[in-house]
Each structure stands twice: as C-alpha cells, then as structure tokens.
C-alpha cells in the first residue's frame, strides 16, 4: 500500500500518481483483491490485509470501521451485541458487526464475509460513547449504560427480550446509573426505560433497577402502563409489574432465571 498505509481510498492512489487512468487503477486493485491482499468493504475504500488475517480469510471490521466512517463523513458508535461484547458481555457473540450511525440510512449487508449491520439514530448521544483501542488506532463504542438502553430499544435486532436479559446478566457488573447518566435518558422514550428497569429486577439486579428508577424520577419521567413486548397483544388477566407498570405479556427465559 502507499508508504506503509493499511487503509487507502481511490483518491489517495490517484493523488500519488501511481496509476495513469481510473481503468488501470481498477484493474490493479481488482487483481490485489483476487489475491486476498486487500479487501474493499466499501466503494473506493480499500484495506490491506495483514498476513495473520489473510491466513484466517477474514478481517474484522474493528480494523477499519473508524476510518470507514470518517471516509463516509458519519458520526458513529459500535453498538448492541458488538458493544456488549466489548463492555463485559464477552459470551454474547454475534455474526454481525453492529454499528449505529447518524444521517441518512446506510444499507446493511455482507462485506467480505462479515455482515455490517447499521442502525440509524439522529442525533447520536456521543457524550456516552467511549474510544476503544484497536490495531489501527481507536473506534467509538457505546458505554455500558447506552448499550443496555439500545439493546432494549432494538431488541428485535438482537434476538428478542430474552436475549437482552441474558446480555444484561453479563453486562450488569459494568453498569452504573447515576447522575452522569441523567442526560442519557433524553435519548430514549419512557417505555424503553420501563422495560429495562423491569428486566434488571427480573435478573435480580435490584440495586441497578433502583438507581435507574431514581434517575427516571429525578428526570421527571412519568410511567404509564405499557406492554413488555410491544408487538404482542395483552389480556385483562395478565400480571402488571407494580413498580415499572409493565404488562407481562411475554415470558422471559434465560439460563439464569
């Protein structure tokens, strides 16, 4: 690659005068892709594959995601199960690399054997995003608290509420709902907070649930009766959690409960 760079764009190559025409450049890059020496996870965006990854046949998106998002001009953070794995829920692996972005929607898809799964959010709560070191520098990752709320909000993207509860069991050790999380609640509607609180109580993380409840009350959040699983119907005989005002219309099943 150019002067030891692992990540380049087509414009980088043309600026160096290494190719006379776009056609010759396209041919040269295609040849390198076929040899497995580079990958192109996005149009006009190329990543040199280090030898150790070439032998594995797969380059993790953490290697290039920060540079790719800068290339696309997007704010972002690694989210959901991908973030949970980096925040203490190490057993919660996913086949997709999940990223939340701002701006217009980005189509999810398989890039070089790895599925990039994009979730749209405007605006992004960047104050609750941390930087995690990678081989190429750093990447943005949601904090444990943001991750927990995102998991509840997007439960259908991670395998349902039972899967969310399983992740929360592992994530709980690193969760801290205190004054520093107060403004984070602005980014979520009240039912998401209620469902998270109910799940925390269900997995017997009562201290965390109490902290979240006090934070919500301080924020002036008003609880109304909501269904645990929004897409499922309710009946008059269903139990209602008195603290979180959640109608229990789905059984949560985990190995720990």
Protein backbone atom coordinates (compact mmCIF):
# COMPACT_ATOMS: atom_id res chain seq x y z
CA UNK A 1 0.00 0.00 0.00
CA UNK A 2 1.03 3.66 -0.13
CA UNK A 3 4.03 4.31 2.15
CA UNK A 4 3.01 1.70 4.68
CA UNK A 5 -0.64 2.76 4.88
CA UNK A 6 -3.07 -0.08 5.53
CA UNK A 7 -6.16 1.90 4.51
CA UNK A 8 -6.45 4.00 1.35
CA UNK A 9 -9.07 5.39 -1.00
CA UNK A 10 -9.04 5.59 -4.76
CA UNK A 11 -8.32 9.30 -4.43
CA UNK A 12 -5.19 8.52 -2.36
CA UNK A 13 -3.79 6.38 -5.16
CA UNK A 14 -4.59 8.88 -7.89
CA UNK A 15 -3.03 11.69 -5.83
CA UNK A 16 0.23 9.75 -5.65
CA UNK A 17 0.35 9.37 -9.43
CA UNK A 18 0.67 5.60 -9.08
CA UNK A 19 -1.90 4.97 -11.82
CA UNK A 20 -2.40 6.88 -15.05
CA UNK A 21 -6.07 6.13 -15.54
CA UNK A 22 -9.03 5.04 -13.46
CA UNK A 23 -9.36 1.91 -15.63
CA UNK A 24 -5.78 0.82 -14.96
CA UNK A 25 -6.27 1.54 -11.25
CA UNK A 26 -9.45 -0.53 -11.17
CA UNK A 27 -7.64 -3.43 -12.85
CA UNK A 28 -4.71 -3.26 -10.44
CA UNK A 29 -6.94 -3.13 -7.36
CA UNK A 30 -9.12 -5.98 -8.62
CA UNK A 31 -6.01 -8.11 -9.04
CA UNK A 32 -4.99 -7.43 -5.43
CA UNK A 33 -8.50 -8.25 -4.18
CA UNK A 34 -8.44 -11.60 -6.02
CA UNK A 35 -5.09 -12.42 -4.42
CA UNK A 36 -6.56 -11.67 -0.99
CA UNK A 37 -4.03 -8.93 -0.36
CA UNK A 38 -6.66 -6.21 0.01
CA UNK A 39 -10.38 -6.02 0.64
CA UNK A 40 -12.88 -3.35 -0.34
CA UNK A 41 -15.60 -3.13 2.31
CA UNK A 42 -16.96 0.00 0.62
CA UNK A 43 -16.81 1.53 -2.82
CA UNK A 44 -13.45 3.27 -3.43
CA UNK A 45 -12.26 2.27 0.06
CA UNK A 46 -9.50 -0.34 0.36
CA UNK A 47 -7.84 -2.12 3.27
CA UNK A 48 -4.59 -4.08 3.12
CA UNK A 49 -5.00 -7.45 4.82
CA UNK A 50 -2.18 -8.26 7.29
CA UNK A 51 -0.67 -11.71 6.84
CA UNK A 52 -2.19 -13.15 10.02
CA UNK A 53 -5.67 -12.23 8.85
CA UNK A 54 -5.01 -13.38 5.29
CA UNK A 55 -4.44 -16.88 6.67
CA UNK A 56 -7.75 -16.70 8.55
CA UNK A 57 -9.57 -15.46 5.47
CA UNK A 58 -11.42 -12.73 7.37
CA UNK A 59 -10.58 -9.19 8.51
CA UNK A 60 -12.64 -7.92 11.47
CA UNK A 61 -14.45 -4.60 10.88
CA UNK A 62 -12.82 -3.21 14.03
CA UNK A 63 -9.67 -2.95 11.91
CA UNK A 64 -11.18 -0.31 9.62
CA UNK A 65 -14.56 0.88 10.93
CA UNK A 66 -13.32 4.23 12.27
CA UNK A 67 -11.58 5.14 9.02
CA UNK A 68 -14.58 3.98 7.00
CA UNK A 69 -16.96 6.18 8.96
CA UNK A 70 -14.63 9.15 8.58
CA UNK A 71 -14.49 8.38 4.85
CA UNK A 72 -18.30 8.46 4.74
CA UNK A 73 -18.44 11.61 6.87
CA UNK A 74 -20.56 9.98 9.59
CA UNK A 75 -20.60 10.06 13.35
CA UNK A 76 -21.00 6.53 14.67
CA UNK A 77 -20.53 4.11 17.52
CA UNK A 78 -20.20 0.33 17.71
CA UNK A 79 -23.43 -0.76 19.36
CA UNK A 80 -25.78 -3.51 20.55
CA UNK A 81 -24.23 -7.00 20.81
CA UNK A 82 -20.92 -5.87 19.34
CA UNK A 83 -20.66 -3.19 22.03
CA UNK A 84 -21.88 -5.57 24.74
CA UNK A 85 -19.01 -7.94 23.94
CA UNK A 86 -16.58 -5.05 24.45
CA UNK A 87 -18.28 -3.97 27.70
CA UNK A 88 -18.08 -7.18 29.65
CA UNK A 89 -20.62 -9.46 27.96
CA UNK A 90 -17.91 -11.47 26.26
CA UNK A 91 -20.02 -14.57 25.68
CA UNK A 92 -22.59 -12.64 23.64
CA UNK A 93 -21.07 -13.03 20.20
CA UNK A 94 -22.93 -12.11 17.06
CA UNK A 95 -22.46 -12.94 13.41
CA UNK A 96 -22.87 -9.26 12.56
CA UNK A 97 -20.80 -6.23 13.45
CA UNK A 98 -23.39 -3.75 14.69
CA UNK A 99 -22.90 -0.01 14.26
CA UNK A 100 -25.20 2.95 14.98
CA UNK A 101 -24.83 5.96 12.67
CA UNK A 102 -26.35 9.38 12.14
CA UNK A 103 -27.57 10.99 8.94
CA UNK A 104 -29.31 9.11 6.14
CA UNK A 105 -29.82 5.33 6.34
CA UNK A 106 -26.93 3.07 5.34
CA UNK A 107 -27.88 -0.30 3.91
CA UNK A 108 -26.70 -3.26 5.96
CA UNK A 109 -25.04 -6.10 4.11
CA UNK A 110 -22.26 -8.65 3.95
CA UNK A 111 -18.88 -7.08 3.28
CA UNK A 112 -16.01 -9.50 2.64
CA UNK A 113 -17.69 -12.29 4.56
CA UNK A 114 -18.74 -10.18 7.55
CA UNK A 115 -22.19 -8.66 7.95
CA UNK A 116 -22.16 -4.96 8.76
CA UNK A 117 -25.46 -4.16 10.46
CA UNK A 118 -26.29 -0.45 10.63
CA UNK A 119 -28.86 1.19 12.92
CA UNK A 120 -29.90 4.79 12.36
CA UNK A 121 -30.19 7.32 15.18
CA UNK A 122 -30.48 11.11 14.99
CA UNK A 123 -28.92 12.65 16.98
CA UNK A 124 -26.29 10.36 18.47
CA UNK A 125 -25.62 10.52 22.23
CA UNK A 126 -21.87 10.98 21.68
CA UNK A 127 -21.28 12.08 25.29
CA UNK A 128 -21.98 8.44 26.23
CA UNK A 129 -19.59 6.93 23.70
CA UNK A 130 -16.05 5.90 24.59
CA UNK A 131 -12.99 5.18 22.47
CA UNK A 132 -11.61 1.65 22.46
CA UNK A 133 -8.13 0.95 21.18
CA UNK A 134 -7.76 -1.12 18.01
CA UNK A 135 -4.81 -2.22 15.88
CA UNK A 136 -5.33 0.82 13.69
CA UNK A 137 -5.98 3.39 16.42
CA UNK A 138 -9.37 3.73 18.09
CA UNK A 139 -13.04 3.10 17.44
CA UNK A 140 -16.17 4.55 19.07
CA UNK A 141 -18.10 2.15 21.31
CA UNK A 142 -21.27 2.81 23.30
CA UNK A 143 -20.91 2.93 27.09
CA UNK A 144 -22.43 0.05 29.09
CA UNK A 145 -25.43 2.24 30.00
CA UNK A 146 -26.07 3.32 26.42
CA UNK A 147 -25.59 -0.27 25.29
CA UNK A 148 -28.21 -1.54 27.77
CA UNK A 149 -30.82 1.00 26.67
CA UNK A 150 -30.05 0.42 22.98
CA UNK A 151 -30.48 -3.33 23.44
CA UNK A 152 -33.98 -2.84 24.84
CA UNK A 153 -34.90 -0.29 22.17
CA UNK A 154 -33.68 -2.57 19.37
CA UNK A 155 -34.49 -5.93 20.95
CA UNK A 156 -35.74 -7.39 17.67
CA UNK A 157 -32.29 -6.84 16.12
CA UNK A 158 -30.53 -8.85 18.82
CA UNK A 159 -32.78 -11.88 19.17
CA UNK A 160 -35.59 -10.67 21.42
CA UNK A 161 -36.08 -9.67 25.04
CA UNK A 162 -34.88 -13.00 26.45
CA UNK A 163 -31.56 -12.47 24.66
CA UNK A 164 -31.44 -8.93 26.03
CA UNK A 165 -31.91 -10.29 29.56
CA UNK A 166 -29.04 -12.75 29.03
CA UNK A 167 -26.76 -9.94 27.89
CA UNK A 168 -27.76 -7.76 30.85
CA UNK A 169 -26.72 -10.53 33.25
CA UNK A 170 -23.16 -10.26 31.93
CA UNK A 171 -23.25 -6.51 31.41
CA UNK A 172 -24.58 -5.68 34.89
CA UNK A 173 -21.18 -5.63 36.57
CA UNK A 174 -20.17 -2.63 34.46
CA UNK A 175 -23.50 -0.77 34.59
CA UNK A 176 -23.78 2.38 36.71
CA UNK A 177 -26.89 4.51 36.56
CA UNK A 178 -26.03 7.71 38.42
CA UNK A 179 -26.05 11.47 37.90
CA UNK A 180 -23.68 11.14 34.95
CA UNK A 181 -26.37 9.14 33.11
CA UNK A 182 -29.14 11.71 33.62
CA UNK A 183 -28.97 13.33 30.19
CA UNK A 184 -28.70 9.92 28.52
CA UNK A 185 -32.38 9.35 29.33
CA UNK A 186 -33.25 12.23 26.99
CA UNK A 187 -32.39 9.99 24.06
CA UNK A 188 -34.92 7.27 24.94
CA UNK A 189 -38.67 7.21 25.31
CA UNK A 190 -40.12 6.25 28.67
CA UNK A 191 -41.27 2.70 27.73
CA UNK A 192 -37.65 1.74 26.95
CA UNK A 193 -36.62 2.84 30.45
CA UNK A 194 -39.54 0.94 31.99
CA UNK A 195 -38.68 -2.26 30.12
CA UNK A 196 -35.01 -2.03 31.07
CA UNK A 197 -35.91 -1.48 34.72
CA UNK A 198 -38.24 -4.47 34.69
CA UNK A 199 -35.57 -6.70 33.15
CA UNK A 200 -32.98 -5.57 35.70
CA UNK A 201 -35.34 -6.51 38.53
CA UNK A 202 -36.12 -9.81 36.78
CA UNK A 203 -32.43 -10.80 36.70
CA UNK A 204 -32.19 -9.75 40.37
CA UNK A 205 -30.08 -6.67 39.77
CA UNK A 206 -32.31 -4.76 42.19
CA UNK A 207 -29.75 -2.13 43.15
CA UNK A 208 -29.25 -1.21 39.49
CA UNK A 209 -33.02 -1.16 38.98
CA UNK A 210 -33.44 1.18 41.95
CA UNK A 211 -30.73 3.51 40.63
CA UNK A 212 -32.43 3.64 37.23
CA UNK A 213 -35.80 4.29 38.86
CA UNK A 214 -34.45 7.18 40.94
CA UNK A 215 -32.77 8.63 37.87
CA UNK A 216 -36.01 8.43 35.88
CA UNK A 217 -37.96 10.07 38.71
CA UNK A 218 -35.40 12.84 39.00
CA UNK A 219 -35.72 13.35 35.28
CA UNK A 220 -39.48 13.69 35.65
CA UNK A 221 -40.31 10.58 33.62
CA UNK A 222 -43.95 9.55 34.03
CA UNK A 223 -44.70 5.83 33.87
CA UNK A 224 -47.88 4.59 32.20
CA UNK A 225 -48.97 1.00 31.64
CA UNK A 226 -47.07 -0.50 28.71
CA UNK A 227 -46.67 -3.97 27.24
CA UNK A 228 -43.36 -5.73 27.85
CA UNK A 229 -43.40 -6.93 24.23
CA UNK A 230 -44.93 -4.12 22.22
CA UNK A 231 -45.76 -6.31 19.20
CA UNK A 232 -47.70 -8.89 21.27
CA UNK A 233 -51.29 -8.43 22.46
CA UNK A 234 -52.37 -8.19 26.08
CA UNK A 235 -55.29 -9.59 28.04
CA UNK A 236 -57.06 -8.47 31.20
CA UNK A 237 -55.66 -11.40 33.18
CA UNK A 238 -52.00 -10.58 32.60
CA UNK A 239 -49.84 -9.54 35.54
CA UNK A 240 -48.74 -5.91 35.76
CA UNK A 241 -45.45 -5.10 37.45
CA UNK A 242 -46.36 -2.50 40.06
CA UNK A 243 -43.04 -0.67 40.11
CA UNK A 244 -42.44 -0.37 36.37
CA UNK A 245 -46.07 -0.54 35.20
CA UNK A 246 -45.12 -3.19 32.67
CA UNK A 247 -47.80 -5.61 31.46
CA UNK A 248 -46.11 -9.03 31.40
CA UNK A 249 -47.28 -10.32 28.02
CA UNK A 250 -44.16 -12.39 27.36
CA UNK A 251 -42.23 -14.89 29.45
CA UNK A 252 -38.52 -14.11 29.67
CA UNK A 253 -36.35 -17.21 29.54
CA UNK A 254 -32.63 -17.29 30.34
CA UNK A 255 -30.30 -19.90 31.80
CA UNK A 256 -30.03 -17.83 34.98
CA UNK A 257 -33.75 -17.33 35.69
